[in-house]
Protein backbone atom coordinates (compact mmCIF):
# COMPACT_ATOMS: atom_id res chain seq x y z
CA UNK A 1 13.72 -7.72 -2.25
CA UNK A 2 12.48 -9.96 0.23
CA UNK A 3 8.63 -9.88 1.00
CA UNK A 4 8.94 -8.97 4.98
CA UNK A 5 11.72 -6.12 4.01
CA UNK A 6 9.20 -4.69 1.42
CA UNK A 7 6.71 -4.41 3.99
CA UNK A 8 8.57 -2.67 6.37
CA UNK A 9 8.94 -0.29 4.02
CA UNK A 10 5.61 -0.42 2.87
CA UNK A 11 4.54 0.09 6.46
CA UNK A 12 6.65 2.94 7.34
CA UNK A 13 6.01 4.97 3.57
CA UNK A 14 2.13 4.89 4.80
CA UNK A 15 3.46 6.20 8.65
CA UNK A 16 5.18 8.49 6.54
CA UNK A 17 2.37 10.04 4.46
CA UNK A 18 -0.19 9.46 7.16
CA UNK A 19 2.16 11.51 9.59
CA UNK A 20 3.27 14.25 6.79
CA UNK A 21 6.66 13.65 6.32
CA UNK A 22 5.97 12.54 2.68
CA UNK A 23 4.33 13.80 0.05
CA UNK A 24 1.20 12.31 -1.81
CA UNK A 25 3.19 12.53 -5.24
CA UNK A 26 6.09 10.50 -3.48
CA UNK A 27 4.60 8.62 -1.82
CA UNK A 28 2.60 7.25 -5.18
CA UNK A 29 5.44 7.40 -7.18
CA UNK A 30 7.66 5.15 -4.94
CA UNK A 31 4.16 2.81 -4.72
CA UNK A 32 4.22 2.62 -8.34
CA UNK A 33 7.85 2.30 -8.52
CA UNK A 34 7.48 -1.18 -6.32
CA UNK A 35 4.34 -2.34 -8.38
CA UNK A 36 6.11 -2.29 -11.83
CA UNK A 37 9.43 -3.59 -10.22
CA UNK A 38 7.47 -6.53 -8.76
CA UNK A 39 5.64 -9.97 -9.64
CA UNK A 40 3.30 -10.25 -6.99
CA UNK A 41 2.30 -14.02 -5.84
CA UNK A 42 -1.23 -14.84 -4.85
CA UNK A 43 0.23 -14.96 -1.11
CA UNK A 44 1.10 -11.25 -1.38
CA UNK A 45 -2.07 -9.80 -1.92
CA UNK A 46 -2.09 -7.77 0.83
CA UNK A 47 1.37 -5.95 -0.02
CA UNK A 48 0.21 -5.55 -3.21
CA UNK A 49 -3.40 -3.47 -2.24
CA UNK A 50 -1.50 -1.69 -0.05
CA UNK A 51 1.24 -0.01 -2.89
CA UNK A 52 -2.35 0.15 -5.29
CA UNK A 53 -3.73 2.41 -1.86
CA UNK A 54 -0.65 4.07 -1.98
CA UNK A 55 -0.33 4.68 -6.02
CA UNK A 56 -3.73 6.16 -6.16
CA UNK A 57 -2.82 9.03 -3.75
CA UNK A 58 -1.13 10.34 -7.17
CA UNK A 59 -4.71 11.64 -8.55
CA UNK A 60 -4.75 15.12 -8.69
CA UNK A 61 -8.66 15.28 -7.58
CA UNK A 62 -8.79 14.39 -3.53
CA UNK A 63 -12.12 12.49 -4.60
CA UNK A 64 -10.16 9.84 -6.01
CA UNK A 65 -7.28 8.89 -3.95
CA UNK A 66 -6.72 6.40 -1.06
CA UNK A 67 -9.00 7.61 2.20
CA UNK A 68 -6.71 7.86 4.97
CA UNK A 69 -8.90 5.58 6.83
CA UNK A 70 -8.88 3.14 4.37
CA UNK A 71 -4.76 3.22 4.33
CA UNK A 72 -4.93 3.18 8.14
CA UNK A 73 -7.05 -0.32 8.03
CA UNK A 74 -3.86 -1.88 5.53
CA UNK A 75 -1.59 -0.32 7.99
CA UNK A 76 -2.78 -2.51 10.78
CA UNK A 77 -3.26 -5.55 8.31
CA UNK A 78 0.43 -5.46 7.37
CA UNK A 79 1.63 -4.47 11.24
CA UNK A 80 -0.60 -8.05 11.91
CA UNK A 81 -3.43 -6.26 14.28
CA UNK A 82 -5.97 -6.76 12.50
CA UNK A 83 -7.07 -9.20 10.34
CA UNK A 84 -7.10 -9.23 5.81
CA UNK A 85 -8.86 -10.60 3.89
CA UNK A 86 -9.59 -11.34 0.02
CA UNK A 87 -11.18 -13.72 -1.98
CA UNK A 88 -9.58 -15.36 -4.69
CA UNK A 89 -11.42 -15.79 -7.87
CA UNK A 90 -9.91 -19.00 -9.94
CA UNK A 91 -11.67 -19.43 -13.13
């Protein structure tokens, strides 16, 4: 799957979850399936982080689930409305 296509799918999943059109269990299961089926490159950190955040919704205890604010921030970055930066440490 091409990067842009995956990005659009992630945006849709985040929006569906935040708008109540998708359950946290279904959203997390989808994200986990994407993580398992792809090896991410160093320039796909935002995609991988967004999927990891969605996968974090699987936890039964609300305090361990990904916060909605985090998903909103990732959504803004995916849409190009906010910067997203990480530090990658290599040996």
